[in-house]
Amino acid sequence: MARITTITLAVAAVALATGPAGAAEGGLPQLTQTDTYVSQIFWLIVTFAALYYIMSKKVLPRLGQVVEGRREKIDDDLGRAERLRAEAEEVMQAYEKALGTARGEAGAILKATSDEIKADTAQRLDVVAREQAERNRREEAEIEEAMARATGDLAGMATSAAQAVTQKLIDVTPAESAARAAVDDVMEGRR
């Protein structure tokens, strides 16, 4: 306060020292009225001191409180934001851990299901292969039986044909057993 008062007094002294000579003719009339300088300076100092007192004791402390309150609120908000960020990081880590666990479980379930499907497929393929093998054996047996019958029928027809041809060619009818033996010899030679 002393510093500001000193500056104010110095300005007033300079104004008094320049006096009416500093004012231009026809210029500012308030500068030519030197008889009121002392009262003006007195009231300037009184007003300044009163305003300074009011500002320093009433206004500035309230402003300081408001600024401090804002600073505390900002610090509180920053602290809360930091806590929320830490909580969000914890939640994110928990989420990622749960996601990793879920992926692991899903992979295990997928592998188990895949293995089960493979085992079921292999079992079904074995059953189908056995059924097919049994069917093939039955069909081969039927084919062999049919071939045996066909061969028997063919041999019988060949025997009858041999007898008929021999009868026509040489006018002799061979015995059925002899014709059959000749046909069997020819058929075995071709096999």
Protein backbone atom coordinates (compact mmCIF):
# COMPACT_ATOMS: atom_id res chain seq x y z
CA MET A 1 0.00 0.00 0.00
CA ALA A 2 2.85 2.29 0.80
CA ARG A 3 4.29 1.83 -2.66
CA ILE A 4 1.03 2.72 -4.42
CA THR A 5 0.54 5.74 -2.17
CA THR A 6 4.06 6.91 -2.94
CA ILE A 7 3.43 6.64 -6.67
CA THR A 8 0.18 8.57 -6.32
CA LEU A 9 1.89 11.33 -4.35
CA ALA A 10 4.66 11.55 -6.92
CA VAL A 11 2.14 11.98 -9.73
CA ALA A 12 0.35 14.69 -7.75
CA ALA A 13 3.62 16.48 -7.03
CA VAL A 14 4.50 16.49 -10.70
CA ALA A 15 1.09 17.92 -11.52
CA LEU A 16 1.51 20.65 -8.91
CA ALA A 17 5.01 21.44 -10.05
CA THR A 18 4.01 21.96 -13.63
CA GLY A 19 1.12 24.09 -12.49
CA PRO A 20 -0.72 26.36 -14.87
CA ALA A 21 2.35 26.67 -17.06
CA GLY A 22 1.80 23.07 -18.18
CA ALA A 23 -1.69 23.82 -19.33
CA ALA A 24 -2.03 25.28 -22.75
CA GLU A 25 -3.99 28.46 -23.25
CA GLY A 26 -7.61 27.71 -23.82
CA GLY A 27 -6.75 24.11 -22.97
CA LEU A 28 -7.98 22.21 -20.00
CA PRO A 29 -9.51 24.52 -17.38
CA GLN A 30 -9.10 22.03 -14.56
CA LEU A 31 -5.35 22.30 -14.92
CA THR A 32 -5.44 26.05 -14.56
CA GLN A 33 -7.37 25.98 -11.28
CA THR A 34 -4.44 25.36 -8.98
CA ASP A 35 -6.24 26.43 -5.86
CA THR A 36 -8.25 23.14 -5.89
CA TYR A 37 -5.24 20.86 -6.34
CA VAL A 38 -4.70 20.28 -2.66
CA SER A 39 -8.31 19.26 -1.99
CA GLN A 40 -8.38 17.12 -5.12
CA ILE A 41 -5.19 15.36 -4.10
CA PHE A 42 -6.53 14.93 -0.57
CA TRP A 43 -9.75 13.34 -1.82
CA LEU A 44 -7.80 11.29 -4.34
CA ILE A 45 -5.67 9.87 -1.56
CA VAL A 46 -8.69 9.29 0.71
CA THR A 47 -10.68 7.65 -2.09
CA PHE A 48 -7.72 5.61 -3.17
CA ALA A 49 -7.02 4.48 0.40
CA ALA A 50 -10.70 3.59 0.93
CA LEU A 51 -10.87 1.66 -2.33
CA TYR A 52 -7.57 -0.01 -1.54
CA TYR A 53 -8.83 -1.00 1.92
CA ILE A 54 -12.13 -2.31 0.54
CA MET A 55 -10.35 -4.19 -2.24
CA SER A 56 -7.70 -5.68 0.03
CA LYS A 57 -10.01 -6.58 2.95
CA LYS A 58 -13.27 -7.46 1.24
CA VAL A 59 -13.06 -8.06 -2.51
CA LEU A 60 -9.64 -9.67 -2.93
CA PRO A 61 -10.15 -12.22 -0.09
CA ARG A 62 -13.45 -13.21 -1.66
CA LEU A 63 -11.82 -13.45 -5.07
CA GLY A 64 -9.03 -15.47 -3.46
CA GLN A 65 -11.63 -17.77 -1.90
CA VAL A 66 -13.40 -18.17 -5.25
CA VAL A 67 -10.11 -18.86 -7.00
CA GLU A 68 -9.08 -21.30 -4.26
CA GLY A 69 -12.53 -22.92 -4.41
CA ARG A 70 -12.19 -23.32 -8.15
CA ARG A 71 -8.68 -24.67 -7.75
CA GLU A 72 -9.92 -27.18 -5.16
CA LYS A 73 -12.84 -28.16 -7.42
CA ILE A 74 -10.49 -28.57 -10.36
CA ASP A 75 -8.10 -30.64 -8.21
CA ASP A 76 -11.04 -32.67 -6.96
CA ASP A 77 -12.30 -33.17 -10.52
CA LEU A 78 -8.82 -34.16 -11.66
CA GLY A 79 -8.54 -36.60 -8.76
CA ARG A 80 -11.95 -38.04 -9.53
CA ALA A 81 -11.04 -38.28 -13.22
CA GLU A 82 -7.82 -40.10 -12.29
CA ARG A 83 -9.76 -42.51 -10.06
CA LEU A 84 -12.30 -43.09 -12.84
CA ARG A 85 -9.49 -43.67 -15.33
CA ALA A 86 -7.89 -46.18 -12.95
CA GLU A 87 -11.26 -47.90 -12.50
CA ALA A 88 -11.78 -47.93 -16.26
CA GLU A 89 -8.35 -49.52 -16.70
CA GLU A 90 -9.22 -52.14 -14.09
CA VAL A 91 -12.53 -52.83 -15.81
CA MET A 92 -10.73 -53.04 -19.17
CA GLN A 93 -8.18 -55.48 -17.75
CA ALA A 94 -10.98 -57.56 -16.20
CA TYR A 95 -12.84 -57.46 -19.52
CA GLU A 96 -9.76 -58.53 -21.46
CA LYS A 97 -9.09 -61.30 -18.94
CA ALA A 98 -12.71 -62.48 -19.17
CA LEU A 99 -12.54 -62.26 -22.95
CA GLY A 100 -9.34 -64.34 -22.97
CA THR A 101 -10.95 -66.89 -20.65
CA ALA A 102 -14.06 -67.00 -22.82
CA ARG A 103 -11.94 -67.46 -25.94
CA GLY A 104 -10.03 -70.26 -24.23
CA GLU A 105 -13.25 -71.94 -23.16
CA ALA A 106 -14.74 -71.49 -26.64
CA GLY A 107 -11.59 -73.02 -28.14
CA ALA A 108 -11.80 -75.95 -25.72
CA ILE A 109 -15.50 -76.45 -26.49
CA LEU A 110 -14.79 -76.20 -30.22
CA LYS A 111 -11.96 -78.75 -29.95
CA ALA A 112 -14.08 -81.10 -27.84
CA THR A 113 -16.98 -80.81 -30.28
CA SER A 114 -14.65 -81.31 -33.23
CA ASP A 115 -13.10 -84.38 -31.60
CA GLU A 116 -16.55 -85.74 -30.81
CA ILE A 117 -17.69 -85.20 -34.40
CA LYS A 118 -14.52 -86.85 -35.71
CA ALA A 119 -15.00 -89.84 -33.39
CA ASP A 120 -18.69 -90.13 -34.38
CA THR A 121 -17.79 -89.84 -38.07
CA ALA A 122 -15.04 -92.47 -37.73
CA GLN A 123 -17.47 -94.77 -35.92
CA ARG A 124 -20.13 -94.31 -38.59
CA LEU A 125 -17.55 -94.83 -41.34
CA ASP A 126 -16.45 -98.08 -39.65
CA VAL A 127 -20.07 -99.26 -39.47
CA VAL A 128 -20.65 -98.30 -43.11
CA ALA A 129 -17.37 -99.98 -44.14
CA ARG A 130 -18.31 -103.19 -42.31
CA GLU A 131 -21.79 -103.15 -43.83
CA GLN A 132 -20.30 -102.51 -47.27
CA ALA A 133 -17.74 -105.30 -46.80
CA GLU A 134 -20.51 -107.71 -45.72
CA ARG A 135 -22.65 -106.63 -48.66
CA ASN A 136 -19.68 -107.10 -51.02
CA ARG A 137 -19.07 -110.62 -49.63
CA ARG A 138 -22.72 -111.54 -50.07
CA GLU A 139 -22.79 -110.12 -53.58
CA GLU A 140 -19.53 -111.89 -54.48
CA ALA A 141 -20.99 -115.15 -53.14
CA GLU A 142 -24.14 -114.56 -55.17
CA ILE A 143 -22.05 -113.75 -58.25
CA GLU A 144 -19.95 -116.91 -57.79
CA GLU A 145 -23.08 -118.94 -57.28
CA ALA A 146 -24.64 -117.37 -60.36
CA MET A 147 -21.43 -118.00 -62.32
CA ALA A 148 -21.42 -121.62 -61.12
CA ARG A 149 -25.00 -122.03 -62.19
CA ALA A 150 -24.29 -120.28 -65.47
CA THR A 151 -21.22 -122.43 -65.99
CA GLY A 152 -23.26 -125.50 -65.11
CA ASP A 153 -26.00 -124.45 -67.46
CA LEU A 154 -23.43 -123.58 -70.12
CA ALA A 155 -21.78 -126.96 -69.68
CA GLY A 156 -25.17 -128.62 -69.94
CA MET A 157 -26.01 -126.65 -73.07
CA ALA A 158 -22.56 -127.30 -74.52
CA THR A 159 -22.95 -131.01 -73.82
CA SER A 160 -26.32 -131.06 -75.55
CA ALA A 161 -24.89 -129.03 -78.44
CA ALA A 162 -21.87 -131.36 -78.70
CA GLN A 163 -24.12 -134.37 -78.81
CA ALA A 164 -26.33 -132.76 -81.44
CA VAL A 165 -23.38 -131.66 -83.59
CA THR A 166 -21.74 -135.06 -83.32
CA GLN A 167 -25.01 -136.68 -84.30
CA LYS A 168 -25.33 -134.44 -87.31
CA LEU A 169 -21.71 -134.75 -88.37
CA ILE A 170 -20.95 -138.37 -87.93
CA ASP A 171 -24.31 -139.80 -87.28
CA VAL A 172 -23.25 -141.11 -83.90
CA THR A 173 -24.72 -139.90 -80.64
CA PRO A 174 -22.05 -139.98 -77.94
CA ALA A 175 -22.97 -140.78 -74.36
CA GLU A 176 -23.87 -137.84 -72.25
CA SER A 177 -21.01 -138.51 -69.79
CA ALA A 178 -18.44 -138.63 -72.62
CA ALA A 179 -19.77 -135.40 -74.14
CA ARG A 180 -19.76 -133.80 -70.69
CA ALA A 181 -16.17 -134.86 -70.05
CA ALA A 182 -15.08 -133.40 -73.40
CA VAL A 183 -16.89 -130.12 -72.69
CA ASP A 184 -15.32 -129.95 -69.18
CA ASP A 185 -11.85 -130.49 -70.67
CA VAL A 186 -12.36 -127.67 -73.17
CA MET A 187 -13.77 -125.31 -70.53
CA GLU A 188 -10.92 -125.96 -68.12
CA GLY A 189 -8.41 -125.26 -70.85
CA ARG A 190 -9.94 -121.81 -71.35
CA ARG A 191 -9.89 -120.86 -67.71
